[in-house]
């Protein structure tokens, strides 16, 4: 998925999924001498809650600004994180699917001999 293909609605879905993917990363911290696992805070550091609020806004100007911010953020994500987000929201590239996958919807390649 190329970032230009995001609409306000799809960016909102992807931003919510990204927030969940980043929060699922656990980090170990020492609290009073004991190891404690805490959820990741990267989503807040990247201002994802603000972007999500803007994408949900009733004002078109705010939604457009949220879309621009999300597209800028999307470009900075690693390919693994992008794939996790796209899988979470159910997007896929039909050209990367197996022949047996019902979603592939590919037609057979004609033989050069025929």
N, C-alpha and C. Protein backbone atom coordinates (compact mmCIF):
# COMPACT_ATOMS: atom_id res chain seq x y z
N UNK A 1 0.84 -1.17 0.00
CA UNK A 1 0.00 0.00 0.00
C UNK A 1 0.89 1.23 0.00
N UNK A 2 0.68 2.08 -0.95
CA UNK A 2 1.42 3.32 -1.06
C UNK A 2 0.69 4.36 -0.23
N UNK A 3 1.43 5.23 0.42
CA UNK A 3 0.80 6.17 1.34
C UNK A 3 -0.19 7.09 0.65
N UNK A 4 -0.04 7.35 -0.65
CA UNK A 4 -0.99 8.23 -1.34
C UNK A 4 -2.38 7.61 -1.42
N UNK A 5 -2.50 6.34 -1.20
CA UNK A 5 -3.79 5.67 -1.30
C UNK A 5 -4.63 5.82 -0.04
N UNK A 6 -4.13 6.49 0.98
CA UNK A 6 -4.90 6.67 2.20
C UNK A 6 -5.94 7.76 2.02
N UNK A 7 -7.14 7.45 2.44
CA UNK A 7 -8.18 8.47 2.56
C UNK A 7 -8.30 8.77 4.05
N UNK A 8 -9.15 9.68 4.41
CA UNK A 8 -9.32 10.01 5.83
C UNK A 8 -9.78 8.79 6.61
N UNK A 9 -10.71 8.02 6.04
CA UNK A 9 -11.25 6.86 6.73
C UNK A 9 -10.20 5.75 6.87
N UNK A 10 -9.49 5.48 5.78
CA UNK A 10 -8.48 4.41 5.85
C UNK A 10 -7.30 4.83 6.72
N UNK A 11 -6.97 6.11 6.72
CA UNK A 11 -5.89 6.59 7.59
C UNK A 11 -6.31 6.46 9.05
N UNK A 12 -7.58 6.71 9.34
CA UNK A 12 -8.07 6.56 10.71
C UNK A 12 -7.97 5.10 11.16
N UNK A 13 -8.36 4.17 10.29
CA UNK A 13 -8.23 2.74 10.61
C UNK A 13 -6.77 2.36 10.84
N UNK A 14 -5.90 2.82 9.95
CA UNK A 14 -4.48 2.49 10.05
C UNK A 14 -3.85 3.14 11.28
N UNK A 15 -4.24 4.36 11.61
CA UNK A 15 -3.69 5.03 12.79
C UNK A 15 -4.10 4.30 14.06
N UNK A 16 -5.35 3.86 14.13
CA UNK A 16 -5.79 3.08 15.29
C UNK A 16 -5.04 1.77 15.41
N UNK A 17 -4.85 1.09 14.28
CA UNK A 17 -4.09 -0.16 14.30
C UNK A 17 -2.64 0.08 14.66
N UNK A 18 -2.06 1.17 14.15
CA UNK A 18 -0.67 1.50 14.49
C UNK A 18 -0.53 1.76 15.98
N UNK A 19 -1.51 2.45 16.55
CA UNK A 19 -1.47 2.73 17.99
C UNK A 19 -1.46 1.42 18.79
N UNK A 20 -2.28 0.45 18.35
CA UNK A 20 -2.34 -0.85 19.03
C UNK A 20 -1.05 -1.63 18.83
N UNK A 21 -0.48 -1.58 17.62
CA UNK A 21 0.77 -2.30 17.34
C UNK A 21 1.90 -1.75 18.21
N UNK A 22 1.98 -0.43 18.31
CA UNK A 22 3.05 0.17 19.10
C UNK A 22 2.84 -0.05 20.59
N UNK A 23 1.59 -0.07 21.06
CA UNK A 23 1.31 -0.32 22.47
C UNK A 23 1.56 -1.77 22.85
N UNK A 24 1.53 -2.69 21.86
CA UNK A 24 1.76 -4.10 22.14
C UNK A 24 3.23 -4.40 22.42
N UNK A 25 4.10 -3.49 22.07
CA UNK A 25 5.52 -3.68 22.36
C UNK A 25 5.73 -3.47 23.85
N UNK A 26 6.30 -4.46 24.50
CA UNK A 26 6.51 -4.39 25.95
C UNK A 26 7.97 -4.09 26.25
N UNK A 27 8.17 -3.31 27.31
CA UNK A 27 9.52 -2.93 27.74
C UNK A 27 9.69 -3.28 29.21
N UNK A 28 10.88 -3.69 29.55
CA UNK A 28 11.17 -4.06 30.93
C UNK A 28 11.75 -2.85 31.65
N UNK A 29 11.19 -2.58 32.84
CA UNK A 29 11.70 -1.50 33.68
C UNK A 29 11.90 -2.03 35.09
N UNK A 30 12.83 -1.43 35.77
CA UNK A 30 13.05 -1.78 37.18
C UNK A 30 12.28 -0.79 38.03
N UNK A 31 11.38 -1.32 38.85
CA UNK A 31 10.62 -0.50 39.78
C UNK A 31 10.83 -1.09 41.17
N UNK A 32 11.46 -0.31 42.02
CA UNK A 32 11.76 -0.74 43.40
C UNK A 32 12.48 -2.08 43.41
N UNK A 33 13.41 -2.24 42.49
CA UNK A 33 14.24 -3.43 42.45
C UNK A 33 13.64 -4.62 41.72
N UNK A 34 12.43 -4.51 41.26
CA UNK A 34 11.78 -5.63 40.55
C UNK A 34 11.59 -5.26 39.08
N UNK A 35 11.72 -6.29 38.25
CA UNK A 35 11.47 -6.09 36.81
C UNK A 35 9.97 -6.05 36.57
N UNK A 36 9.54 -5.01 35.86
CA UNK A 36 8.14 -4.84 35.51
C UNK A 36 8.05 -4.61 34.01
N UNK A 37 7.10 -5.29 33.37
CA UNK A 37 6.89 -5.10 31.93
C UNK A 37 5.81 -4.04 31.74
N UNK A 38 6.13 -3.02 30.94
CA UNK A 38 5.18 -1.94 30.68
C UNK A 38 4.95 -1.83 29.18
N UNK A 39 3.74 -1.42 28.78
CA UNK A 39 3.46 -1.26 27.35
C UNK A 39 4.27 -0.11 26.76
N UNK A 40 4.50 -0.20 25.46
CA UNK A 40 5.26 0.82 24.77
C UNK A 40 4.56 2.16 24.76
N UNK A 41 5.33 3.23 24.78
CA UNK A 41 4.80 4.59 24.77
C UNK A 41 5.11 5.32 23.47
N UNK A 42 5.57 4.60 22.45
CA UNK A 42 5.98 5.23 21.21
C UNK A 42 4.81 5.92 20.50
N UNK A 43 3.63 5.37 20.61
CA UNK A 43 2.46 5.99 19.99
C UNK A 43 2.21 7.39 20.52
N UNK A 44 2.34 7.55 21.84
CA UNK A 44 2.16 8.87 22.43
C UNK A 44 3.30 9.79 22.03
N UNK A 45 4.51 9.27 21.94
CA UNK A 45 5.65 10.10 21.55
C UNK A 45 5.52 10.58 20.10
N UNK A 46 4.87 9.79 19.27
CA UNK A 46 4.66 10.16 17.86
C UNK A 46 3.38 10.97 17.68
N UNK A 47 2.70 11.29 18.77
CA UNK A 47 1.47 12.09 18.77
C UNK A 47 0.33 11.40 18.02
N UNK A 48 0.28 10.07 18.11
CA UNK A 48 -0.81 9.35 17.44
C UNK A 48 -2.18 9.72 17.99
N UNK A 49 -2.35 9.89 19.31
CA UNK A 49 -3.69 10.28 19.78
C UNK A 49 -4.17 11.60 19.17
N UNK A 50 -3.27 12.56 18.99
CA UNK A 50 -3.63 13.84 18.38
C UNK A 50 -4.01 13.64 16.91
N UNK A 51 -3.25 12.79 16.20
CA UNK A 51 -3.55 12.51 14.79
C UNK A 51 -4.91 11.84 14.67
N UNK A 52 -5.19 10.89 15.56
CA UNK A 52 -6.49 10.20 15.53
C UNK A 52 -7.62 11.17 15.81
N UNK A 53 -7.44 12.05 16.79
CA UNK A 53 -8.48 13.06 17.07
C UNK A 53 -8.73 13.95 15.86
N UNK A 54 -7.66 14.34 15.18
CA UNK A 54 -7.82 15.18 14.00
C UNK A 54 -8.54 14.44 12.88
N UNK A 55 -8.20 13.16 12.70
CA UNK A 55 -8.87 12.38 11.66
C UNK A 55 -10.35 12.16 11.97
N UNK A 56 -10.72 12.21 13.24
CA UNK A 56 -12.11 12.04 13.65
C UNK A 56 -12.87 13.36 13.73
N UNK A 57 -12.22 14.46 13.51
CA UNK A 57 -12.81 15.78 13.66
C UNK A 57 -13.97 15.98 12.69
N UNK A 58 -14.88 16.86 13.07
CA UNK A 58 -15.99 17.21 12.19
C UNK A 58 -15.59 18.24 11.15
N UNK A 59 -14.49 18.94 11.40
CA UNK A 59 -14.03 19.97 10.48
C UNK A 59 -13.11 19.37 9.42
N UNK A 60 -13.41 19.66 8.17
CA UNK A 60 -12.63 19.11 7.06
C UNK A 60 -11.17 19.54 7.14
N UNK A 61 -10.92 20.77 7.56
CA UNK A 61 -9.54 21.26 7.66
C UNK A 61 -8.74 20.43 8.66
N UNK A 62 -9.35 20.09 9.79
CA UNK A 62 -8.68 19.27 10.79
C UNK A 62 -8.43 17.86 10.26
N UNK A 63 -9.41 17.29 9.56
CA UNK A 63 -9.23 15.94 9.00
C UNK A 63 -8.11 15.93 7.97
N UNK A 64 -8.05 16.96 7.13
CA UNK A 64 -6.98 17.04 6.13
C UNK A 64 -5.61 17.17 6.80
N UNK A 65 -5.55 17.96 7.86
CA UNK A 65 -4.30 18.12 8.59
C UNK A 65 -3.89 16.79 9.24
N UNK A 66 -4.85 16.07 9.80
CA UNK A 66 -4.57 14.76 10.39
C UNK A 66 -4.09 13.77 9.34
N UNK A 67 -4.70 13.82 8.15
CA UNK A 67 -4.29 12.93 7.06
C UNK A 67 -2.85 13.23 6.63
N UNK A 68 -2.53 14.52 6.51
CA UNK A 68 -1.16 14.90 6.15
C UNK A 68 -0.15 14.43 7.19
N UNK A 69 -0.49 14.61 8.47
CA UNK A 69 0.41 14.20 9.54
C UNK A 69 0.59 12.69 9.54
N UNK A 70 -0.51 11.95 9.31
CA UNK A 70 -0.39 10.49 9.29
C UNK A 70 0.45 10.02 8.12
N UNK A 71 0.29 10.63 6.95
CA UNK A 71 1.08 10.24 5.79
C UNK A 71 2.56 10.51 6.02
N UNK A 72 2.89 11.62 6.67
CA UNK A 72 4.29 11.90 6.99
C UNK A 72 4.83 10.86 7.96
N UNK A 73 4.03 10.49 8.94
CA UNK A 73 4.44 9.48 9.92
C UNK A 73 4.60 8.12 9.25
N UNK A 74 3.70 7.78 8.34
CA UNK A 74 3.71 6.48 7.67
C UNK A 74 5.03 6.26 6.93
N UNK A 75 5.55 7.32 6.32
CA UNK A 75 6.81 7.21 5.58
C UNK A 75 7.99 6.87 6.47
N UNK A 76 7.91 7.20 7.75
CA UNK A 76 9.03 6.97 8.66
C UNK A 76 9.00 5.60 9.31
N UNK A 77 7.91 4.86 9.15
CA UNK A 77 7.78 3.55 9.81
C UNK A 77 8.60 2.49 9.09
N UNK A 78 9.04 1.51 9.86
CA UNK A 78 9.79 0.40 9.27
C UNK A 78 8.84 -0.47 8.46
N UNK A 79 9.38 -1.21 7.48
CA UNK A 79 8.52 -2.11 6.70
C UNK A 79 7.80 -3.15 7.56
N UNK A 80 8.45 -3.64 8.60
CA UNK A 80 7.82 -4.63 9.48
C UNK A 80 6.62 -4.02 10.20
N UNK A 81 6.77 -2.81 10.68
CA UNK A 81 5.66 -2.14 11.37
C UNK A 81 4.53 -1.86 10.40
N UNK A 82 4.86 -1.41 9.20
CA UNK A 82 3.82 -1.17 8.18
C UNK A 82 3.05 -2.45 7.89
N UNK A 83 3.78 -3.56 7.71
CA UNK A 83 3.12 -4.84 7.43
C UNK A 83 2.22 -5.26 8.57
N UNK A 84 2.67 -5.06 9.82
CA UNK A 84 1.83 -5.41 10.97
C UNK A 84 0.54 -4.60 10.97
N UNK A 85 0.65 -3.32 10.67
CA UNK A 85 -0.53 -2.46 10.64
C UNK A 85 -1.47 -2.89 9.51
N UNK A 86 -0.92 -3.11 8.33
CA UNK A 86 -1.76 -3.50 7.19
C UNK A 86 -2.44 -4.84 7.42
N UNK A 87 -1.74 -5.79 8.05
CA UNK A 87 -2.36 -7.07 8.37
C UNK A 87 -3.47 -6.89 9.38
N UNK A 88 -3.27 -6.02 10.35
CA UNK A 88 -4.25 -5.80 11.40
C UNK A 88 -5.54 -5.21 10.83
N UNK A 89 -5.44 -4.36 9.82
CA UNK A 89 -6.65 -3.76 9.25
C UNK A 89 -7.17 -4.55 8.05
N UNK A 90 -6.48 -5.63 7.68
CA UNK A 90 -6.99 -6.53 6.65
C UNK A 90 -6.63 -6.16 5.23
N UNK A 91 -5.63 -5.29 5.04
CA UNK A 91 -5.20 -4.94 3.69
C UNK A 91 -4.13 -5.92 3.24
N UNK A 92 -4.08 -6.16 1.94
CA UNK A 92 -3.09 -7.08 1.39
C UNK A 92 -2.80 -6.69 -0.05
N UNK A 93 -1.67 -7.16 -0.54
CA UNK A 93 -1.30 -6.94 -1.93
C UNK A 93 -1.67 -8.21 -2.69
N UNK A 94 -2.62 -8.17 -3.60
CA UNK A 94 -3.04 -9.39 -4.29
C UNK A 94 -1.93 -10.05 -5.10
N UNK A 95 -0.93 -9.29 -5.52
CA UNK A 95 0.16 -9.87 -6.29
C UNK A 95 1.10 -10.71 -5.44
N UNK A 96 1.05 -10.56 -4.12
CA UNK A 96 1.92 -11.32 -3.23
C UNK A 96 1.24 -12.57 -2.69
N UNK A 97 -0.02 -12.82 -3.04
CA UNK A 97 -0.75 -13.96 -2.52
C UNK A 97 -0.43 -15.22 -3.30
N UNK A 98 -0.60 -16.37 -2.65
CA UNK A 98 -0.43 -17.66 -3.32
C UNK A 98 -1.55 -17.87 -4.32
N UNK A 99 -1.30 -18.74 -5.28
CA UNK A 99 -2.29 -19.04 -6.30
C UNK A 99 -3.55 -19.62 -5.68
N UNK A 100 -3.41 -20.42 -4.65
CA UNK A 100 -4.56 -21.08 -4.03
C UNK A 100 -5.39 -20.14 -3.15
N UNK A 101 -4.87 -19.00 -2.81
CA UNK A 101 -5.59 -18.06 -1.95
C UNK A 101 -6.77 -17.48 -2.72
N UNK A 102 -7.95 -17.53 -2.13
CA UNK A 102 -9.16 -17.07 -2.82
C UNK A 102 -9.13 -15.57 -3.08
N UNK A 103 -8.36 -14.82 -2.30
CA UNK A 103 -8.30 -13.38 -2.48
C UNK A 103 -7.41 -12.98 -3.65
N UNK A 104 -6.61 -13.90 -4.18
CA UNK A 104 -5.64 -13.53 -5.21
C UNK A 104 -6.30 -13.09 -6.50
N UNK A 105 -7.39 -13.76 -6.90
CA UNK A 105 -8.18 -13.36 -8.06
C UNK A 105 -7.31 -13.19 -9.32
N UNK A 106 -6.32 -14.03 -9.44
CA UNK A 106 -5.42 -13.93 -10.60
C UNK A 106 -5.91 -14.82 -11.73
N UNK A 107 -5.58 -14.43 -12.92
CA UNK A 107 -5.87 -15.27 -14.08
C UNK A 107 -4.56 -15.96 -14.50
N UNK A 108 -4.64 -17.16 -15.06
CA UNK A 108 -3.44 -17.85 -15.48
C UNK A 108 -2.70 -17.07 -16.57
N UNK A 109 -1.37 -17.17 -16.54
CA UNK A 109 -0.54 -16.54 -17.55
C UNK A 109 -0.62 -17.40 -18.80
N UNK A 110 -0.93 -16.81 -19.98
CA UNK A 110 -1.03 -17.62 -21.20
C UNK A 110 0.35 -18.16 -21.61
N UNK A 111 0.34 -19.37 -22.15
CA UNK A 111 1.58 -19.99 -22.63
C UNK A 111 2.07 -19.27 -23.88
N UNK A 112 3.39 -19.13 -23.97
CA UNK A 112 3.99 -18.50 -25.16
C UNK A 112 3.91 -19.46 -26.35
N UNK A 113 3.84 -20.81 -26.08
CA UNK A 113 3.80 -21.80 -27.15
C UNK A 113 2.42 -21.87 -27.83
N UNK A 114 1.38 -21.49 -27.10
CA UNK A 114 0.02 -21.65 -27.61
C UNK A 114 -0.37 -20.63 -28.65
